[in-house]
C-alpha atoms as a PDB file:
ATOM      1  CA  MET A   1      80.174  98.127 134.334  1.00  0.00           C
ATOM      2  CA  ARG A   2      80.320 100.655 131.511  1.00  0.00           C
ATOM      3  CA  VAL A   3      83.313 103.026 131.739  1.00  0.00           C
ATOM      4  CA  PRO A   4      82.389 106.673 130.996  1.00  0.00           C
ATOM      5  CA  PRO A   5      84.044 108.144 127.878  1.00  0.00           C
ATOM      6  CA  LEU A   6      87.035 110.417 128.443  1.00  0.00           C
ATOM      7  CA  GLU A   7      87.308 113.812 126.747  1.00  0.00           C
ATOM      8  CA  ILE A   8      90.644 114.428 125.082  1.00  0.00           C
ATOM      9  CA  ASP A   9      90.978 117.823 126.837  1.00  0.00           C
ATOM     10  CA  LEU A  10      90.973 116.046 130.186  1.00  0.00           C
ATOM     11  CA  LEU A  11      93.744 113.727 129.042  1.00  0.00           C
ATOM     12  CA  LYS A  12      95.843 116.594 127.643  1.00  0.00           C
ATOM     13  CA  THR A  13      95.496 118.479 130.905  1.00  0.00           C
ATOM     14  CA  PHE A  14      96.437 115.347 132.861  1.00  0.00           C
ATOM     15  CA  GLN A  15      99.547 114.892 130.705  1.00  0.00           C
ATOM     16  CA  ARG A  16     100.602 118.514 131.227  1.00  0.00           C
ATOM     17  CA  VAL A  17     100.177 118.312 135.014  1.00  0.00           C
ATOM     18  CA  VAL A  18     102.271 115.124 135.065  1.00  0.00           C
ATOM     19  CA  THR A  19     105.002 116.847 133.032  1.00  0.00           C
ATOM     20  CA  SER A  20     105.057 120.128 134.952  1.00  0.00           C
ATOM     21  CA  GLY A  21     104.256 118.716 138.393  1.00  0.00           C
ATOM     22  CA  SER A  22     102.178 121.812 139.108  1.00  0.00           C
ATOM     23  CA  ILE A  23      98.548 122.860 138.724  1.00  0.00           C
ATOM     24  CA  SER A  24      99.438 126.546 138.477  1.00  0.00           C
ATOM     25  CA  LYS A  25     102.224 125.956 135.931  1.00  0.00           C
ATOM     26  CA  THR A  26      99.838 123.855 133.826  1.00  0.00           C
ATOM     27  CA  ALA A  27      97.241 126.617 133.953  1.00  0.00           C
ATOM     28  CA  GLU A  28      99.833 129.149 132.811  1.00  0.00           C
ATOM     29  CA  ASP A  29     101.131 126.927 129.968  1.00  0.00           C
ATOM     30  CA  MET A  30      97.628 126.125 128.719  1.00  0.00           C
ATOM     31  CA  TYR A  31      96.253 129.654 129.158  1.00  0.00           C
ATOM     32  CA  LEU A  32      93.620 128.397 131.589  1.00  0.00           C
ATOM     33  CA  SER A  33      92.588 129.374 135.066  1.00  0.00           C
ATOM     34  CA  VAL A  34      93.791 127.305 138.000  1.00  0.00           C
ATOM     35  CA  SER A  35      90.192 126.425 138.791  1.00  0.00           C
ATOM     36  CA  THR A  36      89.656 125.101 135.252  1.00  0.00           C
ATOM     37  CA  VAL A  37      92.726 122.832 135.492  1.00  0.00           C
ATOM     38  CA  THR A  38      91.651 121.632 138.954  1.00  0.00           C
ATOM     39  CA  GLY A  39      88.141 120.998 137.644  1.00  0.00           C
ATOM     40  CA  ARG A  40      89.457 118.947 134.709  1.00  0.00           C
ATOM     41  CA  ILE A  41      91.625 116.778 136.953  1.00  0.00           C
ATOM     42  CA  LYS A  42      88.661 116.232 139.300  1.00  0.00           C
ATOM     43  CA  ALA A  43      86.414 115.334 136.344  1.00  0.00           C
ATOM     44  CA  LEU A  44      89.010 112.859 135.037  1.00  0.00           C
ATOM     45  CA  GLU A  45      89.364 111.236 138.464  1.00  0.00           C
ATOM     46  CA  ASP A  46      85.579 110.918 138.681  1.00  0.00           C
ATOM     47  CA  LYS A  47      85.440 109.202 135.281  1.00  0.00           C
ATOM     48  CA  VAL A  48      88.365 106.873 136.059  1.00  0.00           C
ATOM     49  CA  GLY A  49      86.956 106.146 139.516  1.00  0.00           C
ATOM     50  CA  VAL A  50      90.176 106.544 141.505  1.00  0.00           C
ATOM     51  CA  PRO A  51      92.384 109.450 142.675  1.00  0.00           C
ATOM     52  CA  LEU A  52      95.212 110.134 140.215  1.00  0.00           C
ATOM     53  CA  PHE A  53      97.125 112.694 142.267  1.00  0.00           C
ATOM     54  CA  VAL A  54      97.833 113.227 145.901  1.00  0.00           C
ATOM     55  CA  ARG A  55      98.351 116.788 147.076  1.00  0.00           C
ATOM     56  CA  THR A  56     101.041 117.452 149.685  1.00  0.00           C
ATOM     57  CA  GLY A  57     101.058 121.142 150.442  1.00  0.00           C
ATOM     58  CA  ARG A  58     102.033 122.955 147.234  1.00  0.00           C
ATOM     59  CA  ARG A  59     103.277 119.801 145.595  1.00  0.00           C
ATOM     60  CA  ILE A  60     101.216 117.353 143.559  1.00  0.00           C
ATOM     61  CA  GLU A  61     102.315 113.771 143.024  1.00  0.00           C
ATOM     62  CA  LEU A  62     100.922 110.796 141.176  1.00  0.00           C
ATOM     63  CA  THR A  63      99.223 108.026 143.083  1.00  0.00           C
ATOM     64  CA  ASP A  64     100.067 104.437 142.151  1.00  0.00           C
ATOM     65  CA  ALA A  65      96.919 104.343 140.020  1.00  0.00           C
ATOM     66  CA  GLY A  66      97.873 107.665 138.416  1.00  0.00           C
ATOM     67  CA  ALA A  67     101.376 106.394 137.589  1.00  0.00           C
ATOM     68  CA  ALA A  68      99.879 103.315 135.916  1.00  0.00           C
ATOM     69  CA  PHE A  69      97.353 105.478 134.032  1.00  0.00           C
ATOM     70  CA  VAL A  70     100.132 107.661 132.546  1.00  0.00           C
ATOM     71  CA  ALA A  71     101.345 104.881 130.216  1.00  0.00           C
ATOM     72  CA  TYR A  72      97.855 104.381 128.759  1.00  0.00           C
ATOM     73  CA  VAL A  73      97.329 108.102 128.221  1.00  0.00           C
ATOM     74  CA  GLU A  74     100.701 108.442 126.481  1.00  0.00           C
ATOM     75  CA  ARG A  75      99.937 105.478 124.238  1.00  0.00           C
ATOM     76  CA  PHE A  76      96.537 106.952 123.344  1.00  0.00           C
ATOM     77  CA  MET A  77      97.959 110.404 122.600  1.00  0.00           C
ATOM     78  CA  ASP A  78     100.739 108.861 120.471  1.00  0.00           C
ATOM     79  CA  LEU A  79      98.110 107.030 118.404  1.00  0.00           C
ATOM     80  CA  ILE A  80      96.185 110.281 117.931  1.00  0.00           C
ATOM     81  CA  GLU A  81      99.359 112.028 116.721  1.00  0.00           C
ATOM     82  CA  GLU A  82     100.295 109.132 114.446  1.00  0.00           C
ATOM     83  CA  GLY A  83      96.824 109.173 112.914  1.00  0.00           C
ATOM     84  CA  ARG A  84      96.976 112.940 112.409  1.00  0.00           C
ATOM     85  CA  SER A  85     100.416 112.664 110.759  1.00  0.00           C
ATOM     86  CA  ARG A  86      99.346 109.884 108.436  1.00  0.00           C
ATOM     87  CA  ILE A  87      96.180 111.651 107.352  1.00  0.00           C
ATOM     88  CA  HIS A  88      98.236 114.787 106.716  1.00  0.00           C
ATOM     89  CA  ALA A  89     100.741 112.766 104.678  1.00  0.00           C
ATOM     90  CA  ARG A  90      97.938 111.285 102.594  1.00  0.00           C
ATOM     91  CA  GLY A  91      96.661 114.757 101.873  1.00  0.00           C
ATOM     92  CA  MET A  92     100.135 115.890 100.821  1.00  0.00           C
ATOM     93  CA  ALA A  93     100.381 112.935  98.411  1.00  0.00           C
ATOM     94  CA  HIS A  94      97.422 114.383  96.535  1.00  0.00           C
ATOM     95  CA  ALA A  95      99.297 117.584  95.669  1.00  0.00           C
ATOM     96  CA  GLY A  96     102.732 118.854  94.694  1.00  0.00           C
ATOM     97  CA  HIS A  97     105.254 118.338  91.914  1.00  0.00           C
ATOM     98  CA  LEU A  98     106.810 115.069  90.760  1.00  0.00           C
ATOM     99  CA  ASN A  99     109.707 114.744  88.319  1.00  0.00           C
ATOM    100  CA  ILE A 100     110.085 111.369  86.603  1.00  0.00           C
ATOM    101  CA  ALA A 101     112.979 110.366  84.356  1.00  0.00           C
ATOM    102  CA  ALA A 102     112.541 107.252  82.234  1.00  0.00           C
ATOM    103  CA  THR A 103     113.989 105.506  79.213  1.00  0.00           C
ATOM    104  CA  PRO A 104     112.081 105.747  75.908  1.00  0.00           C
ATOM    105  CA  PHE A 105     110.930 102.161  76.463  1.00  0.00           C
ATOM    106  CA  PHE A 106     108.970 103.277  79.545  1.00  0.00           C
ATOM    107  CA  THR A 107     107.719 106.552  78.052  1.00  0.00           C
ATOM    108  CA  SER A 108     106.441 104.728  74.959  1.00  0.00           C
ATOM    109  CA  TYR A 109     104.944 101.543  76.385  1.00  0.00           C
ATOM    110  CA  MET A 110     104.514 101.341  80.145  1.00  0.00           C
ATOM    111  CA  LEU A 111     103.999 104.886  81.369  1.00  0.00           C
ATOM    112  CA  PRO A 112     101.250 106.351  79.131  1.00  0.00           C
ATOM    113  CA  ASP A 113      98.396 104.320  80.648  1.00  0.00           C
ATOM    114  CA  MET A 114      99.995 104.265  84.091  1.00  0.00           C
ATOM    115  CA  ILE A 115     100.390 108.048  84.249  1.00  0.00           C
ATOM    116  CA  ARG A 116      96.889 108.576  82.894  1.00  0.00           C
ATOM    117  CA  ARG A 117      95.434 106.481  85.714  1.00  0.00           C
ATOM    118  CA  PHE A 118      97.711 108.077  88.313  1.00  0.00           C
ATOM    119  CA  ALA A 119      96.759 111.593  87.189  1.00  0.00           C
ATOM    120  CA  LYS A 120      93.078 110.656  87.445  1.00  0.00           C
ATOM    121  CA  LYS A 121      93.568 109.457  91.015  1.00  0.00           C
ATOM    122  CA  PHE A 122      95.896 112.326  92.032  1.00  0.00           C
ATOM    123  CA  PRO A 123      94.778 115.274  89.876  1.00  0.00           C
ATOM    124  CA  LYS A 124      96.642 117.869  91.963  1.00  0.00           C
ATOM    125  CA  VAL A 125     100.065 116.292  91.446  1.00  0.00           C
ATOM    126  CA  ARG A 126     101.893 118.125  88.671  1.00  0.00           C
ATOM    127  CA  LEU A 127     104.032 115.685  86.700  1.00  0.00           C
ATOM    128  CA  LYS A 128     107.134 116.285  84.607  1.00  0.00           C
ATOM    129  CA  LEU A 129     108.387 113.413  82.448  1.00  0.00           C
ATOM    130  CA  SER A 130     111.862 113.306  80.891  1.00  0.00           C
ATOM    131  CA  ALA A 131     112.871 110.632  78.369  1.00  0.00           C
ATOM    132  CA  CYS A 132     116.580 109.770  78.327  1.00  0.00           C
ATOM    133  CA  SER A 133     119.060 106.901  78.397  1.00  0.00           C
ATOM    134  CA  ASN A 134     119.594 104.536  81.327  1.00  0.00           C
ATOM    135  CA  SER A 135     122.747 106.348  82.435  1.00  0.00           C
ATOM    136  CA  GLN A 136     121.100 109.757  82.148  1.00  0.00           C
ATOM    137  CA  VAL A 137     118.100 108.596  84.185  1.00  0.00           C
ATOM    138  CA  LEU A 138     120.370 107.359  86.980  1.00  0.00           C
ATOM    139  CA  SER A 139     122.377 110.586  86.885  1.00  0.00           C
ATOM    140  CA  LEU A 140     119.259 112.758  87.183  1.00  0.00           C
ATOM    141  CA  VAL A 141     117.959 110.777  90.157  1.00  0.00           C
ATOM    142  CA  THR A 142     121.367 110.744  91.870  1.00  0.00           C
ATOM    143  CA  GLN A 143     121.674 114.522  91.477  1.00  0.00           C
ATOM    144  CA  GLY A 144     118.168 115.083  92.808  1.00  0.00           C
ATOM    145  CA  LYS A 145     116.949 116.519  89.503  1.00  0.00           C
ATOM    146  CA  ALA A 146     114.417 113.691  89.187  1.00  0.00           C
ATOM    147  CA  ASP A 147     112.422 112.201  92.055  1.00  0.00           C
ATOM    148  CA  ILE A 148     111.901 108.807  90.414  1.00  0.00           C
ATOM    149  CA  GLY A 149     113.731 106.984  87.634  1.00  0.00           C
ATOM    150  CA  MET A 150     112.733 104.049  85.470  1.00  0.00           C
ATOM    151  CA  VAL A 151     115.444 101.992  83.807  1.00  0.00           C
ATOM    152  CA  GLN A 152     115.919  98.725  81.920  1.00  0.00           C
ATOM    153  CA  GLU A 153     119.073  97.588  83.679  1.00  0.00           C
ATOM    154  CA  GLN A 154     119.690  96.787  87.312  1.00  0.00           C
ATOM    155  CA  PRO A 155     121.293  99.935  88.792  1.00  0.00           C
ATOM    156  CA  GLN A 156     124.502  99.612  90.802  1.00  0.00           C
ATOM    157  CA  GLU A 157     124.910 103.253  91.836  1.00  0.00           C
ATOM    158  CA  LYS A 158     125.319 103.980  95.545  1.00  0.00           C
ATOM    159  CA  GLY A 159     122.699 106.109  97.244  1.00  0.00           C
ATOM    160  CA  LEU A 160     119.858 104.739  95.137  1.00  0.00           C
ATOM    161  CA  VAL A 161     117.070 102.401  96.173  1.00  0.00           C
ATOM    162  CA  ARG A 162     115.886 100.063  93.426  1.00  0.00           C
ATOM    163  CA  TYR A 163     112.462  98.503  93.098  1.00  0.00           C
ATOM    164  CA  PRO A 164     112.034  95.568  90.685  1.00  0.00           C
ATOM    165  CA  LEU A 165     108.963  96.323  88.591  1.00  0.00           C
ATOM    166  CA  LEU A 166     108.604  93.635  85.971  1.00  0.00           C
ATOM    167  CA  ARG A 167     110.439  90.901  84.090  1.00  0.00           C
ATOM    168  CA  ASP A 168     109.111  91.403  80.579  1.00  0.00           C
ATOM    169  CA  PRO A 169     109.482  88.278  78.396  1.00  0.00           C
ATOM    170  CA  VAL A 170     111.380  88.655  75.123  1.00  0.00           C
ATOM    171  CA  ILE A 171     109.081  87.236  72.444  1.00  0.00           C
ATOM    172  CA  PRO A 172     109.950  85.977  68.939  1.00  0.00           C
ATOM    173  CA  VAL A 173     107.512  87.639  66.535  1.00  0.00           C
ATOM    174  CA  VAL A 174     106.872  87.636  62.786  1.00  0.00           C
ATOM    175  CA  PRO A 175     104.304  89.453  60.614  1.00  0.00           C
ATOM    176  CA  LYS A 176     101.019  87.690  59.913  1.00  0.00           C
ATOM    177  CA  GLY A 177     101.237  85.305  56.957  1.00  0.00           C
ATOM    178  CA  HIS A 178     104.930  84.559  57.576  1.00  0.00           C
ATOM    179  CA  PRO A 179     105.904  80.972  56.613  1.00  0.00           C
ATOM    180  CA  LEU A 180     107.042  80.210  60.173  1.00  0.00           C
ATOM    181  CA  THR A 181     103.490  80.718  61.462  1.00  0.00           C
ATOM    182  CA  ARG A 182     102.510  77.454  59.795  1.00  0.00           C
ATOM    183  CA  LEU A 183     104.757  75.510  62.163  1.00  0.00           C
ATOM    184  CA  GLU A 184     103.495  74.382  65.548  1.00  0.00           C
ATOM    185  CA  ALA A 185     106.882  75.207  67.052  1.00  0.00           C
ATOM    186  CA  ILE A 186     110.144  76.416  65.582  1.00  0.00           C
ATOM    187  CA  GLY A 187     113.705  75.551  66.500  1.00  0.00           C
ATOM    188  CA  PRO A 188     116.741  77.830  66.549  1.00  0.00           C
ATOM    189  CA  GLU A 189     117.646  76.649  63.025  1.00  0.00           C
ATOM    190  CA  ASP A 190     114.281  77.889  61.742  1.00  0.00           C
ATOM    191  CA  ALA A 191     114.805  81.302  63.343  1.00  0.00           C
ATOM    192  CA  ALA A 192     118.355  81.561  62.000  1.00  0.00           C
ATOM    193  CA  SER A 193     117.145  80.785  58.461  1.00  0.00           C
ATOM    194  CA  CYS A 194     115.171  84.075  58.338  1.00  0.00           C
ATOM    195  CA  PRO A 195     116.401  87.661  58.307  1.00  0.00           C
ATOM    196  CA  ILE A 196     116.694  88.739  61.938  1.00  0.00           C
ATOM    197  CA  LEU A 197     116.035  92.352  62.899  1.00  0.00           C
ATOM    198  CA  GLY A 198     117.849  93.476  66.027  1.00  0.00           C
ATOM    199  CA  PHE A 199     116.768  95.789  68.843  1.00  0.00           C
ATOM    200  CA  ASP A 200     118.800  96.798  71.901  1.00  0.00           C
ATOM    201  CA  THR A 201     121.641  94.533  70.833  1.00  0.00           C
ATOM    202  CA  ARG A 202     123.959  95.743  73.615  1.00  0.00           C
ATOM    203  CA  SER A 203     121.568  94.715  76.369  1.00  0.00           C
ATOM    204  CA  GLU A 204     121.753  91.719  78.675  1.00  0.00           C
ATOM    205  CA  PRO A 205     118.670  90.031  77.121  1.00  0.00           C
ATOM    206  CA  TRP A 206     120.305  90.212  73.667  1.00  0.00           C
ATOM    207  CA  SER A 207     123.524  88.758  75.056  1.00  0.00           C
ATOM    208  CA  LEU A 208     121.514  85.857  76.520  1.00  0.00           C
ATOM    209  CA  LEU A 209     119.834  85.390  73.143  1.00  0.00           C
ATOM    210  CA  GLU A 210     123.226  85.150  71.425  1.00  0.00           C
ATOM    211  CA  GLN A 211     124.294  82.562  74.007  1.00  0.00           C
ATOM    212  CA  TRP A 212     121.116  80.576  73.368  1.00  0.00           C
ATOM    213  CA  PHE A 213     121.899  80.422  69.646  1.00  0.00           C
ATOM    214  CA  ALA A 214     125.539  79.552  70.411  1.00  0.00           C
ATOM    215  CA  ARG A 215     124.471  76.568  72.512  1.00  0.00           C
ATOM    216  CA  HIS A 216     122.853  75.208  69.370  1.00  0.00           C
ATOM    217  CA  ARG A 217     126.040  75.864  67.338  1.00  0.00           C
ATOM    218  CA  LEU A 218     124.467  78.806  65.542  1.00  0.00           C
ATOM    219  CA  VAL A 219     125.499  82.431  65.178  1.00  0.00           C
ATOM    220  CA  LEU A 220     122.862  85.117  65.692  1.00  0.00           C
ATOM    221  CA  ARG A 221     123.360  87.233  62.561  1.00  0.00           C
ATOM    222  CA  VAL A 222     121.479  90.527  62.533  1.00  0.00           C
ATOM    223  CA  HIS A 223     120.185  91.607  59.144  1.00  0.00           C
ATOM    224  CA  MET A 224     119.453  95.146  60.327  1.00  0.00           C
ATOM    225  CA  GLU A 225     119.632  96.893  63.701  1.00  0.00           C
ATOM    226  CA  PHE A 226     117.161  99.447  65.114  1.00  0.00           C
ATOM    227  CA  ASP A 227     117.124 101.891  68.022  1.00  0.00           C
ATOM    228  CA  HIS A 228     113.375 101.742  68.591  1.00  0.00           C
ATOM    229  CA  PRO A 229     110.866  98.857  68.375  1.00  0.00           C
ATOM    230  CA  GLU A 230     108.293 100.975  66.525  1.00  0.00           C
ATOM    231  CA  THR A 231     110.707 101.530  63.642  1.00  0.00           C
ATOM    232  CA  LEU A 232     111.735  97.873  63.631  1.00  0.00           C
ATOM    233  CA  LYS A 233     108.143  96.631  63.423  1.00  0.00           C
ATOM    234  CA  ARG A 234     107.618  98.523  60.163  1.00  0.00           C
ATOM    235  CA  TYR A 235     110.392  96.494  58.516  1.00  0.00           C
ATOM    236  CA  LEU A 236     109.259  93.023  59.553  1.00  0.00           C
ATOM    237  CA  GLN A 237     106.784  92.627  56.692  1.00  0.00           C
ATOM    238  CA  PRO A 238     108.996  94.020  53.866  1.00  0.00           C
ATOM    239  CA  PHE A 239     111.911  91.789  54.879  1.00  0.00           C
ATOM    240  CA  GLY A 240     109.843  88.746  55.872  1.00  0.00           C
ATOM    241  CA  ALA A 241     111.894  88.909  59.052  1.00  0.00           C
ATOM    242  CA  ILE A 242     111.757  87.679  62.620  1.00  0.00           C
ATOM    243  CA  ALA A 243     112.496  89.798  65.689  1.00  0.00           C
ATOM    244  CA  PHE A 244     112.922  89.146  69.384  1.00  0.00           C
ATOM    245  CA  LEU A 245     111.135  91.964  71.188  1.00  0.00           C
ATOM    246  CA  PRO A 246     109.982  92.704  74.755  1.00  0.00           C
ATOM    247  CA  GLY A 247     106.362  91.691  75.238  1.00  0.00           C
ATOM    248  CA  LEU A 248     105.185  95.191  76.146  1.00  0.00           C
ATOM    249  CA  THR A 249     106.390  96.546  72.792  1.00  0.00           C
ATOM    250  CA  VAL A 250     104.257  94.147  70.739  1.00  0.00           C
ATOM    251  CA  ALA A 251     101.167  93.722  72.935  1.00  0.00           C
ATOM    252  CA  GLU A 252      98.897  95.779  70.673  1.00  0.00           C
ATOM    253  CA  GLU A 253     100.051  94.103  67.432  1.00  0.00           C
ATOM    254  CA  LEU A 254      99.652  90.625  68.931  1.00  0.00           C
ATOM    255  CA  GLU A 255      96.126  91.496  70.028  1.00  0.00           C
ATOM    256  CA  SER A 256      95.198  92.904  66.610  1.00  0.00           C
ATOM    257  CA  GLY A 257      96.818  89.989  64.770  1.00  0.00           C
ATOM    258  CA  ASP A 258      99.267  92.141  62.797  1.00  0.00           C
ATOM    259  CA  LEU A 259     102.110  90.250  64.461  1.00  0.00           C
ATOM    260  CA  VAL A 260     102.251  86.617  65.538  1.00  0.00           C
ATOM    261  CA  SER A 261     104.287  85.244  68.436  1.00  0.00           C
ATOM    262  CA  LEU A 262     106.125  81.992  67.765  1.00  0.00           C
ATOM    263  CA  ARG A 263     106.522  79.061  70.107  1.00  0.00           C
ATOM    264  CA  MET A 264     110.137  77.975  70.173  1.00  0.00           C
ATOM    265  CA  ALA A 265     111.444  74.574  71.174  1.00  0.00           C
ATOM    266  CA  PRO A 266     113.454  74.608  73.291  1.00  0.00           C
ATOM    267  CA  PRO A 267     112.236  77.998  74.628  1.00  0.00           C
ATOM    268  CA  PRO A 268     114.962  80.583  75.273  1.00  0.00           C
ATOM    269  CA  ASP A 269     113.002  82.007  78.274  1.00  0.00           C
ATOM    270  CA  ILE A 270     114.705  85.406  78.187  1.00  0.00           C
ATOM    271  CA  ARG A 271     113.270  88.358  80.044  1.00  0.00           C
ATOM    272  CA  SER A 272     113.992  92.063  80.205  1.00  0.00           C
ATOM    273  CA  SER A 273     114.215  93.335  83.782  1.00  0.00           C
ATOM    274  CA  LEU A 274     112.602  96.697  84.499  1.00  0.00           C
ATOM    275  CA  PHE A 275     113.419  98.760  87.579  1.00  0.00           C
ATOM    276  CA  MET A 276     112.208 101.863  89.358  1.00  0.00           C
ATOM    277  CA  VAL A 277     114.763 103.861  91.376  1.00  0.00           C
ATOM    278  CA  SER A 278     114.766 106.691  93.872  1.00  0.00           C
ATOM    279  CA  ARG A 279     117.306 108.285  96.153  1.00  0.00           C
ATOM    280  CA  SER A 280     117.768 106.653  99.553  1.00  0.00           C
ATOM    281  CA  GLU A 281     117.348 110.068 101.187  1.00  0.00           C
ATOM    282  CA  ALA A 282     113.949 111.717 100.999  1.00  0.00           C
ATOM    283  CA  SER A 283     113.298 114.046  98.066  1.00  0.00           C
ATOM    284  CA  ASN A 284     111.597 117.430  98.249  1.00  0.00           C
ATOM    285  CA  HIS A 285     108.458 115.743  96.947  1.00  0.00           C
ATOM    286  CA  ALA A 286     108.583 112.682  99.210  1.00  0.00           C
ATOM    287  CA  GLN A 287     104.831 112.253  99.653  1.00  0.00           C
ATOM    288  CA  ALA A 288     103.994 112.469  95.949  1.00  0.00           C
ATOM    289  CA  SER A 289     106.958 110.187  95.173  1.00  0.00           C
ATOM    290  CA  GLN A 290     105.790 107.572  97.648  1.00  0.00           C
ATOM    291  CA  ALA A 291     102.269 107.692  96.243  1.00  0.00           C
ATOM    292  CA  PHE A 292     103.540 107.189  92.689  1.00  0.00           C
ATOM    293  CA  MET A 293     105.940 104.372  93.617  1.00  0.00           C
ATOM    294  CA  GLU A 294     103.218 102.444  95.415  1.00  0.00           C
ATOM    295  CA  PHE A 295     100.886 103.031  92.469  1.00  0.00           C
ATOM    296  CA  ALA A 296     103.526 101.903  89.931  1.00  0.00           C
ATOM    297  CA  LEU A 297     104.316  98.725  91.877  1.00  0.00           C
ATOM    298  CA  ARG A 298     100.625  97.782  91.943  1.00  0.00           C
ATOM    299  CA  GLU A 299     100.276  98.495  88.229  1.00  0.00           C
ATOM    300  CA  ALA A 300     103.366  96.413  87.404  1.00  0.00           C
ATOM    301  CA  ALA A 301     102.033  93.530  89.483  1.00  0.00           C
ATOM    302  CA  GLU A 302      98.780  93.634  87.508  1.00  0.00           C
ATOM    303  CA  ILE A 303     100.696  93.633  84.201  1.00  0.00           C
ATOM    304  CA  ALA A 304     102.782  90.664  85.367  1.00  0.00           C
ATOM    305  CA  GLY A 305      99.660  88.820  86.482  1.00  0.00           C
ATOM    306  CA  GLY A 306      97.942  89.436  83.167  1.00  0.00           C
ATOM    307  CA  ALA A 307     100.932  88.169  81.218  1.00  0.00           C
ATOM    308  CA  GLU A 308     101.007  84.821  83.038  1.00  0.00           C
END
């Protein structure tokens, strides 16, 4: 037997009568006439097929069937409210302000394309991007001056939630035409025989690289040190040098053939860990922040998948 559909107004009126225990009080609260409330309850009982209330003088009480029906109505109304809230939240994610603090590594290599695609999907979100050091990024997020931070070291600060984004491989590269490109694979002695240009030499990946050389009884001697990969890359050709750089910083040059990645045996297998952080408590721009974080995690997963 087909059950007749139930109008939501009937269910709301039923809920209010259950809460107030009175037809007249329900009518007053809902700005309806007593006859309208009575008519809605009668219509609901007709659709359900059983009496939901029993009237004893001025009092109105639930029948056993009515008491059982209450739980289903409450569950249905909760789902309606949850759906309304989620749709509202999605709408809020499409607008507002979002402050992002990131290291120059992110602002130069990972964020340009990511933000372009995010802005296309969420055109009403107004973005502000600040480039600063790891410690400054963490400070801005902790103080609530930035909604999201992007750093190259695993944060230890309390009150922050960290999201691992990517483990970017550190790649040995040389300019095209370099003598080492003629070898099928190079060993640590081959790398140490060339001028080595250093980048981010106080980082954990560089420390692991020094340990890798030390295990082969070699000292990693840096010919020249640079603060930014773009500057370093300009000096590879003049010095005939080798550099160990994060994969994201050399992706374009490897694709164009201006730089060549070397296969090392044994491989050092060193990676630079990239993190996104936010405060554990909600920011003023929580919906836009959540939208961007979910977007960034998907983008990072695609980058990681493409690099495998």
